[in-house]
Amino acid sequence: MSFDKISQRLESYRNEMVDLQVKLASIPAISPASGGEGEAKKAEFLVGFLKANGFQDIDVIKAPDLDAPSGYRPNILAYYRGRSSARTIWIMAHTDIVPPGELSLWSGDPFKPWVEGGKIYGRGVEDNQQDLVASIFAVKAFRDLGLKPAYDIGLALVADEETGSDKGLAYVLEHSKAFRKNDLILVPDAGNEDGTMIEIAEKSILWLKIKTMGKQAHGSMPERGINAFKAASFLAAELDKLYEAFPLSDPVFDPPISTFEPTKKENNVPNINTIPGEDVFYMDCRILPQYKVEDVQARIRKTADAIEAKFKVKITIEDQQNAPAAPPTPAKAAVVIALEKAVKAVYGKEGKPMGIGGGTVAALFRREGFEAACWSRLDETAHQPNEYCIIDNMVGDAKVFAHIFLQE
């Protein structure tokens, strides 16, 4: 069977794919931590659809969650058997979504999806339903054409990706032996507009809350106080020297360096004529894997100590997030090579293995020793008002998955 025939079959599914997108986006699957009921209703619908479309084996792994009305968070593992079970080609998508946010910013109801200008609009349609749907229909094409892939295909449709994955992939990895070290694992949860980025590495993430405590006083008598805002400002400026202290560059990443940026600033005093006795700001640090997070923390603490001594303030530093980088997937890993071939065949582009500053759920696989790659063709509208999925991207990504399924 030629890839052209599979590609043609996938094109014929265009309206069916849109229909599935609309149905899925009409079932809110928001984490209880974000005020929702979880993914149970959506998973129940998906299991029925999968059974009707060629998946012989379906396992639902239920992570207990008393905050969900169902009492659990469902993780679906669905299989379509190939000519060999020596390995499984996995596509892992997530079923949960984020809340819609400010409804006045939407052009329509985020849970009543609409189609306009070659796009589907609605919460969750790009993140992550675009490739959830694409993966299902890539398998459906094989079934409808009576074609067996080279290896078993597995779809992992997991919960809780948006709020930490404890009830999702992390739970599955702990309670299931489904994944093997020689499997190909593709996570379509990062990408770019032309489909050339194959994400294989992530930076460490360190978010810090930095609180400076001095002594409040009248603005006309600064000598009677200790200006916490002034001390914090000097500290923020001194922390810019982290760029000099950790100067390595790695062309795999964009940007290729570690970044250390002051970001959020809390209010201190409400009026102009008061010396603030307390000040709080935050740092977002994205650190190349070549450096230890602990070394960056130690340097920041040393700088804060110097500011404390100079300004007679007290500075506390509290982690808001501390996620050391997972080991990168090798640029020549089997999943990366398979993606490069498929992206070239479908989109006519050269895929490039790259690292990113953000975090993806693929890191959970990598920490467990699995070689996982993130890839998708995205307009990156996730979490935004009027989130949309480009229909051509959805169909094209299904072709990329199908091409990988064909590879020996």
Protein backbone atom coordinates (compact mmCIF):
# COMPACT_ATOMS: atom_id res chain seq x y z
CA MET A 1 0.00 0.00 0.00
CA SER A 2 1.50 3.34 -1.05
CA PHE A 3 1.56 6.32 1.27
CA ASP A 4 -0.35 8.27 -1.40
CA LYS A 5 -3.39 6.04 -0.91
CA ILE A 6 -3.29 6.53 2.85
CA SER A 7 -2.89 10.27 2.35
CA GLN A 8 -5.92 10.34 0.03
CA ARG A 9 -7.96 8.38 2.53
CA LEU A 10 -7.07 10.86 5.27
CA GLU A 11 -8.15 13.74 3.04
CA SER A 12 -11.52 12.02 2.67
CA TYR A 13 -11.95 12.10 6.46
CA ARG A 14 -11.72 15.89 6.67
CA ASN A 15 -15.38 16.45 7.56
CA GLU A 16 -15.40 13.53 9.99
CA MET A 17 -12.37 14.94 11.75
CA VAL A 18 -14.04 18.31 12.09
CA ASP A 19 -17.15 16.59 13.44
CA LEU A 20 -15.14 14.74 16.10
CA GLN A 21 -13.39 17.97 17.07
CA VAL A 22 -16.73 19.72 17.54
CA LYS A 23 -18.11 16.88 19.65
CA LEU A 24 -15.03 16.69 21.86
CA ALA A 25 -14.84 20.44 22.40
CA SER A 26 -18.50 20.37 23.44
CA ILE A 27 -17.57 18.20 26.44
CA PRO A 28 -15.60 20.38 28.89
CA ALA A 29 -12.79 18.41 30.52
CA ILE A 30 -11.36 20.84 33.05
CA SER A 31 -9.40 19.68 36.07
CA PRO A 32 -11.13 19.89 39.47
CA ALA A 33 -8.15 22.03 40.54
CA SER A 34 -9.34 24.57 37.96
CA GLY A 35 -13.00 24.33 38.88
CA GLY A 36 -14.07 21.54 36.51
CA GLU A 37 -15.30 17.96 36.75
CA GLY A 38 -12.33 16.26 35.10
CA GLU A 39 -12.21 14.13 31.97
CA ALA A 40 -14.58 11.21 32.74
CA LYS A 41 -17.39 12.22 30.35
CA LYS A 42 -14.96 12.97 27.55
CA ALA A 43 -13.10 9.70 28.11
CA GLU A 44 -16.37 7.73 28.04
CA PHE A 45 -17.22 9.27 24.68
CA LEU A 46 -13.73 8.58 23.35
CA VAL A 47 -13.73 4.93 24.40
CA GLY A 48 -16.97 4.42 22.49
CA PHE A 49 -15.53 6.12 19.41
CA LEU A 50 -12.32 4.10 19.57
CA LYS A 51 -14.19 0.81 19.84
CA ALA A 52 -16.18 1.71 16.75
CA ASN A 53 -13.07 2.61 14.79
CA GLY A 54 -10.74 -0.34 14.89
CA PHE A 55 -9.00 -0.42 18.24
CA GLN A 56 -8.87 -4.02 19.43
CA ASP A 57 -7.54 -3.44 22.95
CA ILE A 58 -8.50 -0.53 25.18
CA ASP A 59 -7.39 -0.11 28.78
CA VAL A 60 -8.62 2.69 31.04
CA ILE A 61 -6.29 3.41 33.95
CA LYS A 62 -8.18 5.32 36.62
CA ALA A 63 -6.22 7.61 38.90
CA PRO A 64 -8.21 8.19 42.11
CA ASP A 65 -9.35 11.77 42.60
CA LEU A 66 -11.98 12.50 45.24
CA ASP A 67 -12.35 16.06 43.92
CA ALA A 68 -13.76 14.75 40.63
CA PRO A 69 -17.47 13.79 40.62
CA SER A 70 -16.54 10.42 39.09
CA GLY A 71 -13.96 9.80 41.81
CA TYR A 72 -11.19 9.22 39.29
CA ARG A 73 -9.26 10.69 36.37
CA PRO A 74 -9.27 8.41 33.30
CA ASN A 75 -6.20 7.58 31.20
CA ILE A 76 -6.90 5.67 28.00
CA LEU A 77 -4.40 3.27 26.41
CA ALA A 78 -5.73 2.06 23.06
CA TYR A 79 -3.95 -0.33 20.69
CA TYR A 80 -4.08 -1.20 17.01
CA ARG A 81 -1.97 -4.26 16.36
CA GLY A 82 0.69 -4.32 13.68
CA ARG A 83 2.71 -7.02 11.98
CA SER A 84 5.16 -7.07 14.88
CA SER A 85 4.77 -6.44 18.61
CA ALA A 86 8.51 -5.99 19.09
CA ARG A 87 7.85 -2.31 19.70
CA THR A 88 4.92 0.07 19.95
CA ILE A 89 4.65 3.40 18.19
CA TRP A 90 3.00 5.67 20.75
CA ILE A 91 1.24 8.96 20.28
CA MET A 92 0.43 10.61 23.60
CA ALA A 93 -2.20 13.34 23.66
CA HIS A 94 -4.05 14.79 26.63
CA THR A 95 -7.79 15.02 27.08
CA ASP A 96 -7.95 17.83 29.65
CA ILE A 97 -8.19 21.49 28.77
CA VAL A 98 -7.75 24.81 30.55
CA PRO A 99 -10.71 27.03 31.48
CA PRO A 100 -11.85 29.47 28.78
CA GLY A 101 -10.87 32.56 30.74
CA GLU A 102 -12.66 35.86 30.17
CA LEU A 103 -15.71 34.95 28.06
CA SER A 104 -16.13 38.51 26.75
CA LEU A 105 -12.89 38.06 24.80
CA TRP A 106 -14.34 35.16 22.80
CA SER A 107 -16.24 35.67 19.55
CA GLY A 108 -18.54 32.78 20.47
CA ASP A 109 -19.18 30.13 23.10
CA PRO A 110 -15.87 28.26 23.68
CA PHE A 111 -17.84 25.06 24.30
CA LYS A 112 -20.00 25.40 21.21
CA PRO A 113 -17.26 25.20 18.56
CA TRP A 114 -17.67 26.92 15.24
CA VAL A 115 -15.91 26.57 11.87
CA GLU A 116 -14.77 29.65 10.00
CA GLY A 117 -12.09 30.32 7.38
CA GLY A 118 -10.60 26.83 7.45
CA LYS A 119 -10.33 26.85 11.24
CA ILE A 120 -12.21 25.30 14.14
CA TYR A 121 -12.69 27.63 17.10
CA GLY A 122 -13.23 26.47 20.68
CA ARG A 123 -11.42 25.74 23.91
CA GLY A 124 -9.08 22.77 23.52
CA VAL A 125 -9.29 22.42 19.74
CA GLU A 126 -5.57 23.01 19.26
CA ASP A 127 -4.41 22.04 22.74
CA ASN A 128 -4.58 19.07 22.48
CA GLN A 129 -7.50 17.86 20.37
CA GLN A 130 -5.90 18.69 17.03
CA ASP A 131 -3.47 15.83 17.33
CA LEU A 132 -5.67 13.63 19.47
CA VAL A 133 -8.11 13.58 16.54
CA ALA A 134 -5.28 13.32 13.99
CA SER A 135 -3.84 10.25 15.73
CA ILE A 136 -7.22 8.47 15.84
CA PHE A 137 -7.88 9.04 12.15
CA ALA A 138 -4.35 8.02 11.17
CA VAL A 139 -5.17 4.62 12.67
CA LYS A 140 -8.64 4.61 11.14
CA ALA A 141 -7.08 4.96 7.68
CA PHE A 142 -5.07 1.80 8.24
CA ARG A 143 -8.12 -0.10 9.43
CA ASP A 144 -10.36 1.05 6.60
CA LEU A 145 -7.73 0.17 4.01
CA GLY A 146 -7.13 -3.25 5.59
CA LEU A 147 -3.50 -2.34 6.24
CA LYS A 148 -1.34 -3.48 9.12
CA PRO A 149 1.42 -1.14 10.29
CA ALA A 150 4.96 -2.41 10.76
CA TYR A 151 4.55 -2.35 14.55
CA ASP A 152 1.79 -2.04 17.11
CA ILE A 153 0.29 1.42 17.46
CA GLY A 154 -0.62 2.79 20.86
CA LEU A 155 -2.61 5.90 21.64
CA ALA A 156 -2.18 7.23 25.17
CA LEU A 157 -4.95 9.75 25.83
CA VAL A 158 -4.16 10.98 29.31
CA ALA A 159 -5.68 13.24 31.94
CA ASP A 160 -4.30 16.07 34.05
CA GLU A 161 -1.62 17.41 31.70
CA GLU A 162 -2.64 21.00 32.32
CA THR A 163 -2.28 20.81 36.12
CA GLY A 164 0.85 18.75 36.64
CA SER A 165 0.15 15.22 35.29
CA ASP A 166 0.05 13.57 38.72
CA LYS A 167 -3.30 12.01 37.82
CA GLY A 168 -2.24 11.57 34.21
CA LEU A 169 1.00 10.39 32.65
CA ALA A 170 2.87 10.27 35.97
CA TYR A 171 0.21 7.90 37.34
CA VAL A 172 0.28 5.75 34.18
CA LEU A 173 4.07 5.45 34.28
CA GLU A 174 3.90 4.37 37.92
CA HIS A 175 1.03 1.88 37.56
CA SER A 176 1.51 0.47 34.06
CA LYS A 177 4.24 -1.38 32.19
CA ALA A 178 2.83 -0.35 28.82
CA PHE A 179 5.88 1.62 27.68
CA ARG A 180 9.15 -0.06 26.70
CA LYS A 181 12.58 1.47 26.12
CA ASN A 182 12.62 0.57 22.40
CA ASP A 183 9.19 2.08 21.72
CA LEU A 184 8.80 5.20 19.59
CA ILE A 185 7.10 7.86 21.71
CA LEU A 186 5.70 10.98 20.10
CA VAL A 187 4.09 13.74 22.16
CA PRO A 188 2.30 16.29 19.93
CA ASP A 189 2.30 19.04 22.54
CA ALA A 190 4.89 21.46 21.14
CA GLY A 191 5.65 22.71 17.67
CA ASN A 192 5.80 25.67 15.32
CA GLU A 193 3.88 27.10 12.37
CA ASP A 194 5.70 25.25 9.59
CA GLY A 195 6.15 21.94 11.39
CA THR A 196 9.95 21.99 11.34
CA MET A 197 10.61 21.94 15.09
CA ILE A 198 11.19 18.53 16.65
CA GLU A 199 11.51 19.17 20.37
CA ILE A 200 14.07 16.88 22.01
CA ALA A 201 15.27 18.85 25.06
CA GLU A 202 14.09 21.31 27.65
CA LYS A 203 15.80 23.76 29.94
CA SER A 204 15.50 23.55 33.70
CA ILE A 205 12.81 25.85 35.07
CA LEU A 206 13.39 27.86 38.25
CA TRP A 207 10.74 30.36 39.34
CA LEU A 208 11.51 32.38 42.46
CA LYS A 209 9.60 34.66 44.81
CA ILE A 210 12.02 37.17 46.32
CA LYS A 211 10.83 39.10 49.36
CA THR A 212 12.79 42.04 50.76
CA MET A 213 11.97 43.34 54.25
CA GLY A 214 13.14 46.71 55.53
CA LYS A 215 11.40 49.36 57.64
CA GLN A 216 8.49 51.54 56.59
CA ALA A 217 8.81 55.31 57.04
CA HIS A 218 7.50 58.64 55.80
CA GLY A 219 8.73 59.54 52.32
CA SER A 220 10.17 62.83 53.59
CA MET A 221 12.27 61.08 56.24
CA PRO A 222 13.98 58.11 54.53
CA GLU A 223 16.67 58.05 57.21
CA ARG A 224 14.09 56.72 59.68
CA GLY A 225 13.28 53.73 57.50
CA ILE A 226 14.92 51.08 55.34
CA ASN A 227 13.67 51.19 51.78
CA ALA A 228 12.83 47.61 50.80
CA PHE A 229 11.94 48.63 47.23
CA LYS A 230 15.30 50.33 46.71
CA ALA A 231 17.19 47.29 48.00
CA ALA A 232 15.10 44.97 45.85
CA SER A 233 15.79 47.13 42.80
CA PHE A 234 19.52 46.89 43.37
CA LEU A 235 19.13 43.13 43.80
CA ALA A 236 17.21 42.78 40.54
CA ALA A 237 19.93 44.74 38.75
CA GLU A 238 22.69 42.62 40.32
CA LEU A 239 20.94 39.41 39.31
CA ASP A 240 21.35 40.43 35.68
CA LYS A 241 24.97 39.35 36.18
CA LEU A 242 23.72 35.76 36.20
CA TYR A 243 24.07 35.97 32.42
CA GLU A 244 27.82 36.45 32.93
CA ALA A 245 28.08 33.79 35.63
CA PHE A 246 26.39 31.12 33.49
CA PRO A 247 27.45 32.05 29.95
CA LEU A 248 27.35 28.73 28.08
CA SER A 249 25.53 28.63 24.76
CA ASP A 250 23.89 25.57 23.17
CA PRO A 251 22.67 25.89 19.55
CA VAL A 252 20.08 23.15 20.13
CA PHE A 253 18.01 25.70 22.06
CA ASP A 254 16.24 28.86 21.00
CA PRO A 255 17.39 31.12 22.58
CA PRO A 256 20.69 29.23 22.92
CA ILE A 257 21.53 30.62 26.38
CA SER A 258 20.21 30.40 29.92
CA THR A 259 17.85 33.27 30.75
CA PHE A 260 17.36 35.05 34.09
CA GLU A 261 14.58 37.63 34.09
CA PRO A 262 12.72 39.56 36.80
CA THR A 263 9.03 39.37 35.91
CA LYS A 264 6.06 39.81 38.23
CA LYS A 265 6.07 42.65 40.77
CA GLU A 266 3.68 42.81 43.73
CA ASN A 267 2.27 46.07 45.05
CA ASN A 268 4.05 47.48 48.07
CA VAL A 269 2.61 50.71 49.51
CA PRO A 270 -0.56 52.37 48.15
CA ASN A 271 0.66 55.97 48.37
CA ILE A 272 3.61 57.88 46.99
CA ASN A 273 4.83 59.44 50.22
CA THR A 274 5.66 56.23 52.11
CA ILE A 275 8.98 54.39 52.16
CA PRO A 276 8.02 50.71 51.63
CA GLY A 277 9.10 48.31 54.35
CA GLU A 278 8.37 45.26 52.25
CA ASP A 279 8.79 44.47 48.57
CA VAL A 280 8.19 41.32 46.50
CA PHE A 281 9.25 40.49 42.97
CA TYR A 282 9.64 37.26 41.00
CA MET A 283 12.30 35.73 38.76
CA ASP A 284 11.82 33.38 35.80
CA CYS A 285 15.03 31.41 35.16
CA ARG A 286 15.36 28.97 32.25
CA ILE A 287 18.64 27.14 32.69
CA LEU A 288 20.58 25.09 30.16
CA PRO A 289 20.90 21.41 31.16
CA GLN A 290 24.69 21.87 31.37
CA TYR A 291 24.20 23.75 34.65
CA LYS A 292 22.84 22.49 37.96
CA VAL A 293 19.85 24.38 39.33
CA GLU A 294 21.50 24.25 42.75
CA ASP A 295 24.47 26.23 41.46
CA VAL A 296 22.20 28.97 40.17
CA GLN A 297 20.33 29.04 43.47
CA ALA A 298 23.60 29.34 45.38
CA ARG A 299 24.73 32.27 43.21
CA ILE A 300 21.41 34.07 43.72
CA ARG A 301 21.61 33.55 47.48
CA LYS A 302 25.17 34.91 47.55
CA THR A 303 24.06 38.03 45.67
CA ALA A 304 21.11 38.48 48.04
CA ASP A 305 23.43 38.19 51.04
CA ALA A 306 25.55 41.04 49.70
CA ILE A 307 22.46 43.24 49.22
CA GLU A 308 21.29 42.39 52.75
CA ALA A 309 24.61 43.56 54.17
CA LYS A 310 24.70 46.75 52.12
CA PHE A 311 21.12 47.91 52.77
CA LYS A 312 20.45 46.31 56.20
CA VAL A 313 17.42 44.42 54.87
CA LYS A 314 16.28 40.82 55.17
CA ILE A 315 15.76 38.86 51.93
CA THR A 316 13.94 35.54 51.63
CA ILE A 317 13.92 33.48 48.45
CA GLU A 318 11.16 30.93 47.88
CA ASP A 319 10.88 28.45 45.02
CA GLN A 320 7.64 28.75 43.04
CA GLN A 321 8.71 26.06 40.59
CA ASN A 322 11.87 24.00 40.49
CA ALA A 323 12.00 21.53 37.59
CA PRO A 324 15.48 20.29 36.68
CA ALA A 325 15.85 19.48 33.00
CA ALA A 326 15.20 15.90 31.99
CA PRO A 327 17.94 14.13 30.01
CA PRO A 328 17.53 15.15 26.35
CA THR A 329 16.39 12.73 23.69
CA PRO A 330 19.35 12.11 21.32
CA ALA A 331 19.11 13.92 17.98
CA LYS A 332 19.60 10.57 16.24
CA ALA A 333 16.99 8.68 18.28
CA ALA A 334 14.67 6.46 16.24
CA VAL A 335 11.63 8.64 16.96
CA VAL A 336 13.48 11.76 15.74
CA ILE A 337 14.61 10.10 12.52
CA ALA A 338 11.09 8.79 11.88
CA LEU A 339 9.67 12.28 12.38
CA GLU A 340 12.25 13.85 10.06
CA LYS A 341 11.29 11.42 7.29
CA ALA A 342 7.57 11.98 7.82
CA VAL A 343 7.77 15.79 7.97
CA LYS A 344 9.79 15.78 4.75
CA ALA A 345 7.30 13.47 3.01
CA VAL A 346 4.18 15.35 4.10
CA TYR A 347 5.22 18.97 4.38
CA GLY A 348 8.34 19.06 2.22
CA LYS A 349 10.28 20.58 5.12
CA GLU A 350 13.48 19.63 6.90
CA GLY A 351 12.70 18.85 10.52
CA LYS A 352 15.19 20.22 13.02
CA PRO A 353 15.82 18.70 16.48
CA MET A 354 15.62 21.58 18.96
CA GLY A 355 15.36 22.45 22.63
CA ILE A 356 12.85 24.80 24.20
CA GLY A 357 12.71 26.97 27.29
CA GLY A 358 9.27 25.80 28.35
CA GLY A 359 8.29 22.48 29.86
CA THR A 360 6.30 19.66 28.26
CA VAL A 361 4.92 16.37 29.54
CA ALA A 362 7.59 14.61 27.45
CA ALA A 363 9.97 15.38 30.32
CA LEU A 364 8.19 12.70 32.38
CA PHE A 365 9.09 10.10 29.76
CA ARG A 366 12.70 11.30 29.55
CA ARG A 367 13.22 11.17 33.30
CA GLU A 368 12.18 7.51 33.17
CA GLY A 369 14.70 6.76 30.42
CA PHE A 370 12.33 6.82 27.43
CA GLU A 371 13.34 8.62 24.25
CA ALA A 372 10.39 10.89 23.51
CA ALA A 373 10.05 13.71 20.99
CA CYS A 374 7.50 16.52 20.83
CA TRP A 375 6.17 17.54 17.46
CA SER A 376 3.12 19.17 15.91
CA ARG A 377 2.27 21.83 13.37
CA LEU A 378 0.70 24.59 15.43
CA ASP A 379 -0.37 28.21 15.27
CA GLU A 380 0.20 28.26 19.04
CA THR A 381 -3.21 29.59 20.10
CA ALA A 382 -3.34 27.35 23.19
CA HIS A 383 -4.86 28.95 26.33
CA GLN A 384 -5.83 32.08 24.37
CA PRO A 385 -9.30 33.51 23.73
CA ASN A 386 -10.63 32.27 20.37
CA GLU A 387 -8.27 29.29 20.40
CA TYR A 388 -8.40 27.64 17.00
CA CYS A 389 -7.15 24.62 15.10
CA ILE A 390 -6.25 24.97 11.41
CA ILE A 391 -8.03 22.10 9.70
CA ASP A 392 -5.18 21.62 7.21
CA ASN A 393 -2.79 21.18 10.16
CA MET A 394 -5.02 18.53 11.69
CA VAL A 395 -5.23 16.54 8.46
CA GLY A 396 -1.54 17.06 7.69
CA ASP A 397 -0.48 15.89 11.14
CA ALA A 398 -2.56 12.74 10.68
CA LYS A 399 -0.53 12.10 7.51
CA VAL A 400 2.72 12.55 9.45
CA PHE A 401 1.57 9.98 12.01
CA ALA A 402 0.50 7.57 9.27
CA HIS A 403 3.86 7.92 7.55
CA ILE A 404 5.59 6.96 10.81
CA PHE A 405 3.27 3.95 11.16
CA LEU A 406 4.37 2.76 7.71
CA GLN A 407 8.09 2.95 8.43
CA GLU A 408 9.89 -0.34 9.09
